[in-house]
């Protein structure tokens, strides 16, 4: 049996190239469940893998794609049988293990979850790691006492996949979500998703920095890190929390201890890659109950395997809004 995949190769000079190839099943990596992939999606991390940046891929040739959904082809794991619809996000698949930019994948059954009730395989890739991370952030903020009556919740990087889905989920839960974005052309789409108001990132960062700034946010979902995270920490209300889950603006954290000492602010790290099975299931089911896939349709783009390298460059430049879905079979 053979399958098509987008294969990433690295030359002796360090350059990286991608091409769609037809491979034999014997090329699939080790694993106890083989999946015929219906859909994958494109994330920022995938952009790094396809362009050879970030040091995420150590072994070539490689097949990227950190998320996929499809149907079990064969399995020696008792939890899954041929024909079962399944979803995979995280576990460093697409980085250290061949991933979803392929018609077929072989993985460890521990990394899979059954298709959440009420969602199709395509729906789950509209959500993907981005939506799962957004839901995990909201769950964590709520565990620290955040409620809709607490006040406004700021979402940074709101035009991206995680941020835009976070805005939609917050609205469905009755929160007043404020979208911080550097792309004003997306304001109408964010408002349609439920953003209470839009803040321009350039104007936000232009305000003079102070050790402690006026308290504005009951909670924050920060998708970008860097100087944005440093600034929002100074604006969180007493006892409020910041869920940090991205670093597209950089990994440095420029802040001081006053928000923590004088306002009791919590900085919460959100990881979606190694989340335990039970927490994944709970987050997926909550997404299935809350997220309106149809309302998000204007922010979904579909591409085939051949178009992925170009899309990878766009996502790294911040030129992708919402979600990019991947059709391995066209």
C-alpha atoms as a PDB file:
ATOM      1  CA  UNK A   1       0.000   0.000   0.000  1.00  0.00           C
ATOM      2  CA  UNK A   2       1.143   3.518  -0.705  1.00  0.00           C
ATOM      3  CA  UNK A   3       0.167   7.018   0.367  1.00  0.00           C
ATOM      4  CA  UNK A   4       0.963  10.649  -0.475  1.00  0.00           C
ATOM      5  CA  UNK A   5       2.715  12.939   1.990  1.00  0.00           C
ATOM      6  CA  UNK A   6       4.435  16.311   2.066  1.00  0.00           C
ATOM      7  CA  UNK A   7       8.030  15.320   2.796  1.00  0.00           C
ATOM      8  CA  UNK A   8      10.502  17.821   4.250  1.00  0.00           C
ATOM      9  CA  UNK A   9      14.145  17.259   3.323  1.00  0.00           C
ATOM     10  CA  UNK A  10      17.260  19.031   4.585  1.00  0.00           C
ATOM     11  CA  UNK A  11      20.261  19.489   2.295  1.00  0.00           C
ATOM     12  CA  UNK A  12      23.921  19.426   3.323  1.00  0.00           C
ATOM     13  CA  UNK A  13      24.029  23.217   3.213  1.00  0.00           C
ATOM     14  CA  UNK A  14      21.221  23.368   5.775  1.00  0.00           C
ATOM     15  CA  UNK A  15      18.507  24.473   3.372  1.00  0.00           C
ATOM     16  CA  UNK A  16      15.079  22.861   3.665  1.00  0.00           C
ATOM     17  CA  UNK A  17      12.762  21.854   0.811  1.00  0.00           C
ATOM     18  CA  UNK A  18       9.286  20.334   0.734  1.00  0.00           C
ATOM     19  CA  UNK A  19       7.735  18.116  -1.929  1.00  0.00           C
ATOM     20  CA  UNK A  20       4.714  15.846  -2.181  1.00  0.00           C
ATOM     21  CA  UNK A  21       5.899  12.248  -2.553  1.00  0.00           C
ATOM     22  CA  UNK A  22       4.249   8.847  -2.855  1.00  0.00           C
ATOM     23  CA  UNK A  23       5.564   6.528  -0.137  1.00  0.00           C
ATOM     24  CA  UNK A  24       5.139   2.881   0.749  1.00  0.00           C
ATOM     25  CA  UNK A  25       3.454   1.987   4.046  1.00  0.00           C
ATOM     26  CA  UNK A  26       6.766   0.497   5.191  1.00  0.00           C
ATOM     27  CA  UNK A  27       8.052   4.081   5.525  1.00  0.00           C
ATOM     28  CA  UNK A  28       5.569   4.875   8.298  1.00  0.00           C
ATOM     29  CA  UNK A  29       7.142   5.199  11.755  1.00  0.00           C
ATOM     30  CA  UNK A  30       6.533   2.781  14.612  1.00  0.00           C
ATOM     31  CA  UNK A  31       3.158   2.796  16.339  1.00  0.00           C
ATOM     32  CA  UNK A  32       0.234   0.568  17.175  1.00  0.00           C
ATOM     33  CA  UNK A  33      -2.548   2.463  15.367  1.00  0.00           C
ATOM     34  CA  UNK A  34      -2.606   3.381  11.672  1.00  0.00           C
ATOM     35  CA  UNK A  35      -4.970   6.192  10.659  1.00  0.00           C
ATOM     36  CA  UNK A  36      -6.266   7.256   7.261  1.00  0.00           C
ATOM     37  CA  UNK A  37      -6.231  11.034   7.572  1.00  0.00           C
ATOM     38  CA  UNK A  38      -9.292  13.044   6.542  1.00  0.00           C
ATOM     39  CA  UNK A  39      -8.096  16.469   7.666  1.00  0.00           C
ATOM     40  CA  UNK A  40      -5.111  18.193   9.236  1.00  0.00           C
ATOM     41  CA  UNK A  41      -4.503  21.848  10.041  1.00  0.00           C
ATOM     42  CA  UNK A  42      -1.695  24.376   9.918  1.00  0.00           C
ATOM     43  CA  UNK A  43      -0.287  25.914  13.090  1.00  0.00           C
ATOM     44  CA  UNK A  44       2.584  28.313  13.765  1.00  0.00           C
ATOM     45  CA  UNK A  45       4.693  25.396  14.931  1.00  0.00           C
ATOM     46  CA  UNK A  46       4.042  23.633  11.601  1.00  0.00           C
ATOM     47  CA  UNK A  47       5.338  26.724   9.829  1.00  0.00           C
ATOM     48  CA  UNK A  48       8.583  26.416  11.759  1.00  0.00           C
ATOM     49  CA  UNK A  49       8.865  22.708  10.918  1.00  0.00           C
ATOM     50  CA  UNK A  50       8.259  23.207   7.188  1.00  0.00           C
ATOM     51  CA  UNK A  51      10.834  26.008   6.959  1.00  0.00           C
ATOM     52  CA  UNK A  52      13.462  24.364   9.160  1.00  0.00           C
ATOM     53  CA  UNK A  53      13.271  27.029  11.841  1.00  0.00           C
ATOM     54  CA  UNK A  54      13.169  26.702  15.612  1.00  0.00           C
ATOM     55  CA  UNK A  55      15.112  23.430  15.781  1.00  0.00           C
ATOM     56  CA  UNK A  56      11.877  21.450  16.215  1.00  0.00           C
ATOM     57  CA  UNK A  57      12.743  18.794  13.627  1.00  0.00           C
ATOM     58  CA  UNK A  58      15.969  16.911  14.256  1.00  0.00           C
ATOM     59  CA  UNK A  59      15.667  13.979  11.819  1.00  0.00           C
ATOM     60  CA  UNK A  60      15.058  14.169   8.065  1.00  0.00           C
ATOM     61  CA  UNK A  61      13.261  13.251   5.865  1.00  0.00           C
ATOM     62  CA  UNK A  62      10.256  14.336   7.896  1.00  0.00           C
ATOM     63  CA  UNK A  63       6.483  14.679   7.633  1.00  0.00           C
ATOM     64  CA  UNK A  64       5.174  17.637   9.638  1.00  0.00           C
ATOM     65  CA  UNK A  65       1.657  18.328  10.921  1.00  0.00           C
ATOM     66  CA  UNK A  66       0.980  18.487  14.662  1.00  0.00           C
ATOM     67  CA  UNK A  67      -2.771  17.804  14.344  1.00  0.00           C
ATOM     68  CA  UNK A  68      -4.876  15.405  12.325  1.00  0.00           C
ATOM     69  CA  UNK A  69      -8.224  13.631  12.348  1.00  0.00           C
ATOM     70  CA  UNK A  70      -9.351  10.574  10.458  1.00  0.00           C
ATOM     71  CA  UNK A  71     -10.381   6.934  10.623  1.00  0.00           C
ATOM     72  CA  UNK A  72      -8.483   4.002  12.104  1.00  0.00           C
ATOM     73  CA  UNK A  73      -7.209   1.724   9.341  1.00  0.00           C
ATOM     74  CA  UNK A  74      -5.774  -0.964  11.621  1.00  0.00           C
ATOM     75  CA  UNK A  75      -4.904  -1.192  15.296  1.00  0.00           C
ATOM     76  CA  UNK A  76      -3.247  -3.480  17.826  1.00  0.00           C
ATOM     77  CA  UNK A  77      -4.428  -1.176  20.628  1.00  0.00           C
ATOM     78  CA  UNK A  78      -7.561  -2.621  22.226  1.00  0.00           C
ATOM     79  CA  UNK A  79      -9.135   0.812  22.609  1.00  0.00           C
ATOM     80  CA  UNK A  80      -9.377   1.369  18.848  1.00  0.00           C
ATOM     81  CA  UNK A  81     -10.765  -0.702  15.999  1.00  0.00           C
ATOM     82  CA  UNK A  82     -10.756  -0.280  12.229  1.00  0.00           C
ATOM     83  CA  UNK A  83     -13.346   2.322  11.288  1.00  0.00           C
ATOM     84  CA  UNK A  84     -13.175   4.317  14.531  1.00  0.00           C
ATOM     85  CA  UNK A  85     -12.951   8.105  13.993  1.00  0.00           C
ATOM     86  CA  UNK A  86     -10.083   9.613  16.007  1.00  0.00           C
ATOM     87  CA  UNK A  87      -8.280  12.900  16.642  1.00  0.00           C
ATOM     88  CA  UNK A  88      -4.662  13.648  17.457  1.00  0.00           C
ATOM     89  CA  UNK A  89      -3.152  16.867  18.778  1.00  0.00           C
ATOM     90  CA  UNK A  90       0.208  17.320  20.427  1.00  0.00           C
ATOM     91  CA  UNK A  91       2.579  14.702  21.855  1.00  0.00           C
ATOM     92  CA  UNK A  92       5.294  16.187  19.595  1.00  0.00           C
ATOM     93  CA  UNK A  93       3.777  14.439  16.588  1.00  0.00           C
ATOM     94  CA  UNK A  94       4.810  16.464  13.549  1.00  0.00           C
ATOM     95  CA  UNK A  95       8.045  17.353  15.344  1.00  0.00           C
ATOM     96  CA  UNK A  96       9.825  14.188  16.529  1.00  0.00           C
ATOM     97  CA  UNK A  97       7.321  11.757  14.967  1.00  0.00           C
ATOM     98  CA  UNK A  98       5.816  11.898  11.467  1.00  0.00           C
ATOM     99  CA  UNK A  99       2.568  13.844  11.510  1.00  0.00           C
ATOM    100  CA  UNK A 100      -0.561  14.825   9.684  1.00  0.00           C
ATOM    101  CA  UNK A 101       0.579  16.324   6.362  1.00  0.00           C
ATOM    102  CA  UNK A 102      -0.036  12.948   4.803  1.00  0.00           C
ATOM    103  CA  UNK A 103      -2.811  10.639   3.684  1.00  0.00           C
ATOM    104  CA  UNK A 104      -1.800   8.165   6.393  1.00  0.00           C
ATOM    105  CA  UNK A 105      -0.141   8.152   9.818  1.00  0.00           C
ATOM    106  CA  UNK A 106       1.005   5.528  12.299  1.00  0.00           C
ATOM    107  CA  UNK A 107       1.077   6.600  15.951  1.00  0.00           C
ATOM    108  CA  UNK A 108       0.891   5.423  19.541  1.00  0.00           C
ATOM    109  CA  UNK A 109      -2.729   4.852  20.605  1.00  0.00           C
ATOM    110  CA  UNK A 110      -2.046   6.785  23.824  1.00  0.00           C
ATOM    111  CA  UNK A 111      -1.821   9.950  21.724  1.00  0.00           C
ATOM    112  CA  UNK A 112      -5.294   9.623  20.226  1.00  0.00           C
ATOM    113  CA  UNK A 113      -8.736  10.549  21.499  1.00  0.00           C
ATOM    114  CA  UNK A 114     -12.062   9.346  20.085  1.00  0.00           C
ATOM    115  CA  UNK A 115     -13.876  11.832  17.865  1.00  0.00           C
ATOM    116  CA  UNK A 116     -15.792  14.112  20.274  1.00  0.00           C
ATOM    117  CA  UNK A 117     -19.550  13.649  20.152  1.00  0.00           C
ATOM    118  CA  UNK A 118     -21.233  16.237  17.957  1.00  0.00           C
ATOM    119  CA  UNK A 119     -18.139  17.053  15.847  1.00  0.00           C
ATOM    120  CA  UNK A 120     -16.986  15.811  12.439  1.00  0.00           C
ATOM    121  CA  UNK A 121     -13.336  15.157  11.661  1.00  0.00           C
ATOM    122  CA  UNK A 122     -13.280  18.452   9.755  1.00  0.00           C
ATOM    123  CA  UNK A 123     -14.804  20.274  12.739  1.00  0.00           C
ATOM    124  CA  UNK A 124     -12.025  19.026  14.996  1.00  0.00           C
ATOM    125  CA  UNK A 125      -9.401  20.512  12.707  1.00  0.00           C
ATOM    126  CA  UNK A 126     -11.188  23.868  12.689  1.00  0.00           C
ATOM    127  CA  UNK A 127     -10.687  23.615  16.443  1.00  0.00           C
ATOM    128  CA  UNK A 128      -7.346  21.764  16.464  1.00  0.00           C
ATOM    129  CA  UNK A 129      -4.529  22.535  18.863  1.00  0.00           C
ATOM    130  CA  UNK A 130      -5.521  26.205  18.655  1.00  0.00           C
ATOM    131  CA  UNK A 131      -9.047  25.700  19.978  1.00  0.00           C
ATOM    132  CA  UNK A 132      -8.030  23.033  22.457  1.00  0.00           C
ATOM    133  CA  UNK A 133      -5.400  25.395  23.891  1.00  0.00           C
ATOM    134  CA  UNK A 134      -7.928  28.232  24.090  1.00  0.00           C
ATOM    135  CA  UNK A 135     -10.337  25.987  25.991  1.00  0.00           C
ATOM    136  CA  UNK A 136      -7.606  24.782  28.353  1.00  0.00           C
ATOM    137  CA  UNK A 137      -6.728  28.419  29.075  1.00  0.00           C
ATOM    138  CA  UNK A 138     -10.334  29.292  29.915  1.00  0.00           C
ATOM    139  CA  UNK A 139     -10.685  26.218  32.128  1.00  0.00           C
ATOM    140  CA  UNK A 140      -7.510  27.190  33.992  1.00  0.00           C
ATOM    141  CA  UNK A 141      -8.630  30.813  34.429  1.00  0.00           C
ATOM    142  CA  UNK A 142     -11.966  29.624  35.781  1.00  0.00           C
ATOM    143  CA  UNK A 143     -10.177  27.336  38.226  1.00  0.00           C
ATOM    144  CA  UNK A 144      -8.546  30.506  39.617  1.00  0.00           C
ATOM    145  CA  UNK A 145     -11.953  32.104  40.177  1.00  0.00           C
ATOM    146  CA  UNK A 146     -12.683  33.912  36.901  1.00  0.00           C
ATOM    147  CA  UNK A 147     -16.398  34.302  36.159  1.00  0.00           C
ATOM    148  CA  UNK A 148     -18.317  36.449  33.643  1.00  0.00           C
ATOM    149  CA  UNK A 149     -19.081  38.901  36.450  1.00  0.00           C
ATOM    150  CA  UNK A 150     -15.376  39.382  37.245  1.00  0.00           C
ATOM    151  CA  UNK A 151     -14.857  41.908  34.461  1.00  0.00           C
ATOM    152  CA  UNK A 152     -13.306  42.110  31.017  1.00  0.00           C
ATOM    153  CA  UNK A 153     -11.022  39.376  29.699  1.00  0.00           C
ATOM    154  CA  UNK A 154      -8.278  40.480  27.302  1.00  0.00           C
ATOM    155  CA  UNK A 155      -7.204  38.187  24.455  1.00  0.00           C
ATOM    156  CA  UNK A 156      -3.895  39.122  22.805  1.00  0.00           C
ATOM    157  CA  UNK A 157      -3.071  37.998  19.280  1.00  0.00           C
ATOM    158  CA  UNK A 158      -6.808  37.808  18.744  1.00  0.00           C
ATOM    159  CA  UNK A 159      -6.626  37.524  14.944  1.00  0.00           C
ATOM    160  CA  UNK A 160      -4.762  34.217  15.094  1.00  0.00           C
ATOM    161  CA  UNK A 161      -6.173  30.742  15.522  1.00  0.00           C
ATOM    162  CA  UNK A 162      -5.966  30.496  19.309  1.00  0.00           C
ATOM    163  CA  UNK A 163      -7.012  34.086  19.909  1.00  0.00           C
ATOM    164  CA  UNK A 164      -9.989  34.114  17.577  1.00  0.00           C
ATOM    165  CA  UNK A 165     -11.362  30.847  18.960  1.00  0.00           C
ATOM    166  CA  UNK A 166     -10.792  32.142  22.505  1.00  0.00           C
ATOM    167  CA  UNK A 167     -12.892  35.212  21.667  1.00  0.00           C
ATOM    168  CA  UNK A 168     -15.684  32.989  20.339  1.00  0.00           C
ATOM    169  CA  UNK A 169     -15.610  30.656  23.354  1.00  0.00           C
ATOM    170  CA  UNK A 170     -15.577  33.528  25.842  1.00  0.00           C
ATOM    171  CA  UNK A 171     -18.615  35.073  24.159  1.00  0.00           C
ATOM    172  CA  UNK A 172     -20.514  31.779  24.296  1.00  0.00           C
ATOM    173  CA  UNK A 173     -19.741  31.560  28.021  1.00  0.00           C
ATOM    174  CA  UNK A 174     -21.040  35.067  28.688  1.00  0.00           C
ATOM    175  CA  UNK A 175     -17.694  36.805  29.178  1.00  0.00           C
ATOM    176  CA  UNK A 176     -16.844  40.267  27.882  1.00  0.00           C
ATOM    177  CA  UNK A 177     -13.833  39.456  25.729  1.00  0.00           C
ATOM    178  CA  UNK A 178     -11.626  42.290  24.470  1.00  0.00           C
ATOM    179  CA  UNK A 179      -9.584  41.529  21.342  1.00  0.00           C
ATOM    180  CA  UNK A 180      -6.058  42.950  21.102  1.00  0.00           C
ATOM    181  CA  UNK A 181      -4.802  42.721  17.524  1.00  0.00           C
ATOM    182  CA  UNK A 182      -2.251  44.314  15.256  1.00  0.00           C
ATOM    183  CA  UNK A 183      -4.443  43.689  12.219  1.00  0.00           C
ATOM    184  CA  UNK A 184      -7.314  46.182  12.112  1.00  0.00           C
ATOM    185  CA  UNK A 185      -8.643  44.626   8.901  1.00  0.00           C
ATOM    186  CA  UNK A 186      -9.884  41.728  11.040  1.00  0.00           C
ATOM    187  CA  UNK A 187     -11.933  43.863  13.431  1.00  0.00           C
ATOM    188  CA  UNK A 188     -15.281  43.075  11.805  1.00  0.00           C
ATOM    189  CA  UNK A 189     -14.632  39.335  11.924  1.00  0.00           C
ATOM    190  CA  UNK A 190     -13.646  39.493  15.601  1.00  0.00           C
ATOM    191  CA  UNK A 191     -16.744  41.509  16.422  1.00  0.00           C
ATOM    192  CA  UNK A 192     -18.844  38.900  14.628  1.00  0.00           C
ATOM    193  CA  UNK A 193     -17.255  36.210  16.802  1.00  0.00           C
ATOM    194  CA  UNK A 194     -18.358  38.067  19.921  1.00  0.00           C
ATOM    195  CA  UNK A 195     -15.564  40.483  20.847  1.00  0.00           C
ATOM    196  CA  UNK A 196     -16.964  43.218  23.089  1.00  0.00           C
ATOM    197  CA  UNK A 197     -14.445  45.666  21.651  1.00  0.00           C
ATOM    198  CA  UNK A 198     -11.181  45.789  19.724  1.00  0.00           C
ATOM    199  CA  UNK A 199      -7.868  47.296  20.848  1.00  0.00           C
ATOM    200  CA  UNK A 200      -5.137  48.210  18.380  1.00  0.00           C
ATOM    201  CA  UNK A 201      -1.847  46.612  19.397  1.00  0.00           C
ATOM    202  CA  UNK A 202       0.314  49.535  18.268  1.00  0.00           C
ATOM    203  CA  UNK A 203      -1.724  52.006  20.309  1.00  0.00           C
ATOM    204  CA  UNK A 204      -1.736  49.643  23.281  1.00  0.00           C
ATOM    205  CA  UNK A 205       2.052  49.353  23.270  1.00  0.00           C
ATOM    206  CA  UNK A 206       2.549  53.070  22.595  1.00  0.00           C
ATOM    207  CA  UNK A 207       1.297  54.003  26.072  1.00  0.00           C
ATOM    208  CA  UNK A 208       4.184  54.813  28.377  1.00  0.00           C
ATOM    209  CA  UNK A 209       5.228  51.879  30.551  1.00  0.00           C
ATOM    210  CA  UNK A 210       4.962  52.187  34.303  1.00  0.00           C
ATOM    211  CA  UNK A 211       5.908  49.663  37.000  1.00  0.00           C
ATOM    212  CA  UNK A 212       2.196  49.250  37.732  1.00  0.00           C
ATOM    213  CA  UNK A 213      -0.554  50.491  35.429  1.00  0.00           C
ATOM    214  CA  UNK A 214      -4.305  51.022  35.920  1.00  0.00           C
ATOM    215  CA  UNK A 215      -6.049  47.727  36.672  1.00  0.00           C
ATOM    216  CA  UNK A 216      -8.176  46.827  33.654  1.00  0.00           C
ATOM    217  CA  UNK A 217      -8.449  43.062  33.154  1.00  0.00           C
ATOM    218  CA  UNK A 218     -10.054  40.379  35.280  1.00  0.00           C
ATOM    219  CA  UNK A 219      -8.180  37.834  33.196  1.00  0.00           C
ATOM    220  CA  UNK A 220      -5.959  37.591  30.142  1.00  0.00           C
ATOM    221  CA  UNK A 221      -5.395  34.936  27.492  1.00  0.00           C
ATOM    222  CA  UNK A 222      -1.997  35.837  26.064  1.00  0.00           C
ATOM    223  CA  UNK A 223      -1.147  34.236  22.723  1.00  0.00           C
ATOM    224  CA  UNK A 224       1.987  36.219  21.869  1.00  0.00           C
ATOM    225  CA  UNK A 225       4.307  36.681  24.863  1.00  0.00           C
ATOM    226  CA  UNK A 226       7.173  39.170  24.641  1.00  0.00           C
ATOM    227  CA  UNK A 227       6.562  42.846  25.352  1.00  0.00           C
ATOM    228  CA  UNK A 228       2.791  42.388  25.130  1.00  0.00           C
ATOM    229  CA  UNK A 229       2.777  39.911  28.016  1.00  0.00           C
ATOM    230  CA  UNK A 230       5.081  42.153  30.025  1.00  0.00           C
ATOM    231  CA  UNK A 231       2.686  45.067  29.646  1.00  0.00           C
ATOM    232  CA  UNK A 232      -0.586  43.254  30.312  1.00  0.00           C
ATOM    233  CA  UNK A 233       0.742  41.829  33.575  1.00  0.00           C
ATOM    234  CA  UNK A 234       0.896  45.384  34.902  1.00  0.00           C
ATOM    235  CA  UNK A 235      -2.783  45.936  34.060  1.00  0.00           C
ATOM    236  CA  UNK A 236      -4.429  42.869  35.639  1.00  0.00           C
ATOM    237  CA  UNK A 237      -6.895  43.470  38.458  1.00  0.00           C
ATOM    238  CA  UNK A 238      -6.246  42.358  42.017  1.00  0.00           C
ATOM    239  CA  UNK A 239      -6.237  38.558  42.218  1.00  0.00           C
ATOM    240  CA  UNK A 240      -6.593  38.210  38.445  1.00  0.00           C
ATOM    241  CA  UNK A 241      -4.736  35.764  36.235  1.00  0.00           C
ATOM    242  CA  UNK A 242      -2.909  35.660  32.919  1.00  0.00           C
ATOM    243  CA  UNK A 243      -2.950  32.402  30.949  1.00  0.00           C
ATOM    244  CA  UNK A 244       0.246  32.444  28.862  1.00  0.00           C
ATOM    245  CA  UNK A 245       0.292  30.110  25.866  1.00  0.00           C
ATOM    246  CA  UNK A 246       2.282  31.664  23.013  1.00  0.00           C
ATOM    247  CA  UNK A 247       5.591  33.309  22.159  1.00  0.00           C
ATOM    248  CA  UNK A 248       5.250  34.698  18.630  1.00  0.00           C
ATOM    249  CA  UNK A 249       6.389  38.103  19.957  1.00  0.00           C
ATOM    250  CA  UNK A 250       9.414  36.581  21.690  1.00  0.00           C
ATOM    251  CA  UNK A 251      10.384  34.483  24.698  1.00  0.00           C
ATOM    252  CA  UNK A 252      11.754  37.308  26.855  1.00  0.00           C
ATOM    253  CA  UNK A 253       9.566  38.549  29.719  1.00  0.00           C
ATOM    254  CA  UNK A 254      10.150  42.198  30.568  1.00  0.00           C
ATOM    255  CA  UNK A 255       8.257  42.932  33.776  1.00  0.00           C
ATOM    256  CA  UNK A 256       8.740  43.473  37.500  1.00  0.00           C
ATOM    257  CA  UNK A 257       7.469  41.905  40.705  1.00  0.00           C
ATOM    258  CA  UNK A 258       4.916  44.575  41.637  1.00  0.00           C
ATOM    259  CA  UNK A 259       1.918  42.984  39.863  1.00  0.00           C
ATOM    260  CA  UNK A 260       2.562  39.797  41.834  1.00  0.00           C
ATOM    261  CA  UNK A 261       3.345  41.422  45.194  1.00  0.00           C
ATOM    262  CA  UNK A 262       0.801  44.259  45.246  1.00  0.00           C
ATOM    263  CA  UNK A 263      -2.067  42.751  43.256  1.00  0.00           C
ATOM    264  CA  UNK A 264      -1.598  39.026  43.745  1.00  0.00           C
ATOM    265  CA  UNK A 265      -1.585  38.436  39.986  1.00  0.00           C
ATOM    266  CA  UNK A 266      -1.196  34.831  38.796  1.00  0.00           C
ATOM    267  CA  UNK A 267       0.848  33.915  35.711  1.00  0.00           C
ATOM    268  CA  UNK A 268      -0.434  30.553  34.466  1.00  0.00           C
ATOM    269  CA  UNK A 269       1.435  28.484  31.888  1.00  0.00           C
ATOM    270  CA  UNK A 270      -0.803  26.599  29.444  1.00  0.00           C
ATOM    271  CA  UNK A 271       0.589  23.527  27.674  1.00  0.00           C
ATOM    272  CA  UNK A 272      -1.530  21.556  25.214  1.00  0.00           C
ATOM    273  CA  UNK A 273       1.184  19.198  23.958  1.00  0.00           C
ATOM    274  CA  UNK A 274       1.477  16.772  26.894  1.00  0.00           C
ATOM    275  CA  UNK A 275      -1.965  17.156  28.480  1.00  0.00           C
ATOM    276  CA  UNK A 276      -3.185  13.913  30.104  1.00  0.00           C
ATOM    277  CA  UNK A 277      -5.928  11.939  28.351  1.00  0.00           C
ATOM    278  CA  UNK A 278      -8.676  12.793  30.862  1.00  0.00           C
ATOM    279  CA  UNK A 279      -8.063  16.540  30.609  1.00  0.00           C
ATOM    280  CA  UNK A 280      -7.987  16.340  26.821  1.00  0.00           C
ATOM    281  CA  UNK A 281     -11.317  14.530  26.751  1.00  0.00           C
ATOM    282  CA  UNK A 282     -12.890  17.071  29.123  1.00  0.00           C
ATOM    283  CA  UNK A 283     -11.612  20.033  27.096  1.00  0.00           C
ATOM    284  CA  UNK A 284     -12.713  18.512  23.788  1.00  0.00           C
ATOM    285  CA  UNK A 285     -16.195  17.808  25.068  1.00  0.00           C
ATOM    286  CA  UNK A 286     -16.571  21.340  26.381  1.00  0.00           C
ATOM    287  CA  UNK A 287     -15.468  22.708  23.022  1.00  0.00           C
ATOM    288  CA  UNK A 288     -17.987  20.454  21.283  1.00  0.00           C
ATOM    289  CA  UNK A 289     -20.754  21.839  23.474  1.00  0.00           C
ATOM    290  CA  UNK A 290     -19.764  25.506  23.115  1.00  0.00           C
ATOM    291  CA  UNK A 291     -18.043  26.242  19.825  1.00  0.00           C
ATOM    292  CA  UNK A 292     -20.214  27.328  16.892  1.00  0.00           C
ATOM    293  CA  UNK A 293     -18.331  25.956  13.894  1.00  0.00           C
ATOM    294  CA  UNK A 294     -20.671  27.614  11.395  1.00  0.00           C
ATOM    295  CA  UNK A 295     -20.148  31.062  12.911  1.00  0.00           C
ATOM    296  CA  UNK A 296     -16.400  30.626  12.470  1.00  0.00           C
ATOM    297  CA  UNK A 297     -16.652  29.650   8.807  1.00  0.00           C
ATOM    298  CA  UNK A 298     -15.442  32.980   7.406  1.00  0.00           C
ATOM    299  CA  UNK A 299     -12.122  32.470   9.205  1.00  0.00           C
ATOM    300  CA  UNK A 300     -11.396  29.039   7.691  1.00  0.00           C
ATOM    301  CA  UNK A 301      -9.198  28.476   4.626  1.00  0.00           C
ATOM    302  CA  UNK A 302      -8.648  25.076   2.972  1.00  0.00           C
ATOM    303  CA  UNK A 303      -5.470  24.004   1.166  1.00  0.00           C
ATOM    304  CA  UNK A 304      -3.994  20.829  -0.280  1.00  0.00           C
ATOM    305  CA  UNK A 305      -0.582  19.358   0.486  1.00  0.00           C
ATOM    306  CA  UNK A 306       1.053  21.197  -2.422  1.00  0.00           C
ATOM    307  CA  UNK A 307      -0.004  24.611  -1.078  1.00  0.00           C
ATOM    308  CA  UNK A 308       1.323  24.054   2.431  1.00  0.00           C
ATOM    309  CA  UNK A 309       4.850  25.506   1.980  1.00  0.00           C
ATOM    310  CA  UNK A 310       3.408  28.832   0.831  1.00  0.00           C
ATOM    311  CA  UNK A 311       0.867  28.823   3.659  1.00  0.00           C
ATOM    312  CA  UNK A 312       3.674  28.053   6.129  1.00  0.00           C
ATOM    313  CA  UNK A 313       5.505  31.213   5.082  1.00  0.00           C
ATOM    314  CA  UNK A 314       2.323  33.239   5.478  1.00  0.00           C
ATOM    315  CA  UNK A 315       1.594  31.970   8.982  1.00  0.00           C
ATOM    316  CA  UNK A 316       5.138  32.821  10.119  1.00  0.00           C
ATOM    317  CA  UNK A 317       4.692  36.354   8.758  1.00  0.00           C
ATOM    318  CA  UNK A 318       1.418  36.780  10.632  1.00  0.00           C
ATOM    319  CA  UNK A 319      -0.549  36.874   7.382  1.00  0.00           C
ATOM    320  CA  UNK A 320      -2.985  34.068   8.235  1.00  0.00           C
ATOM    321  CA  UNK A 321      -6.221  34.914  10.002  1.00  0.00           C
ATOM    322  CA  UNK A 322      -8.173  32.212  11.760  1.00  0.00           C
ATOM    323  CA  UNK A 323      -7.494  28.642  10.692  1.00  0.00           C
ATOM    324  CA  UNK A 324      -5.956  26.847   7.709  1.00  0.00           C
ATOM    325  CA  UNK A 325      -7.309  23.342   7.113  1.00  0.00           C
ATOM    326  CA  UNK A 326      -5.363  20.770   5.135  1.00  0.00           C
ATOM    327  CA  UNK A 327      -6.923  18.244   2.748  1.00  0.00           C
ATOM    328  CA  UNK A 328      -4.368  15.412   2.318  1.00  0.00           C
ATOM    329  CA  UNK A 329      -6.518  13.756  -0.352  1.00  0.00           C
ATOM    330  CA  UNK A 330      -7.790  15.951  -3.187  1.00  0.00           C
END
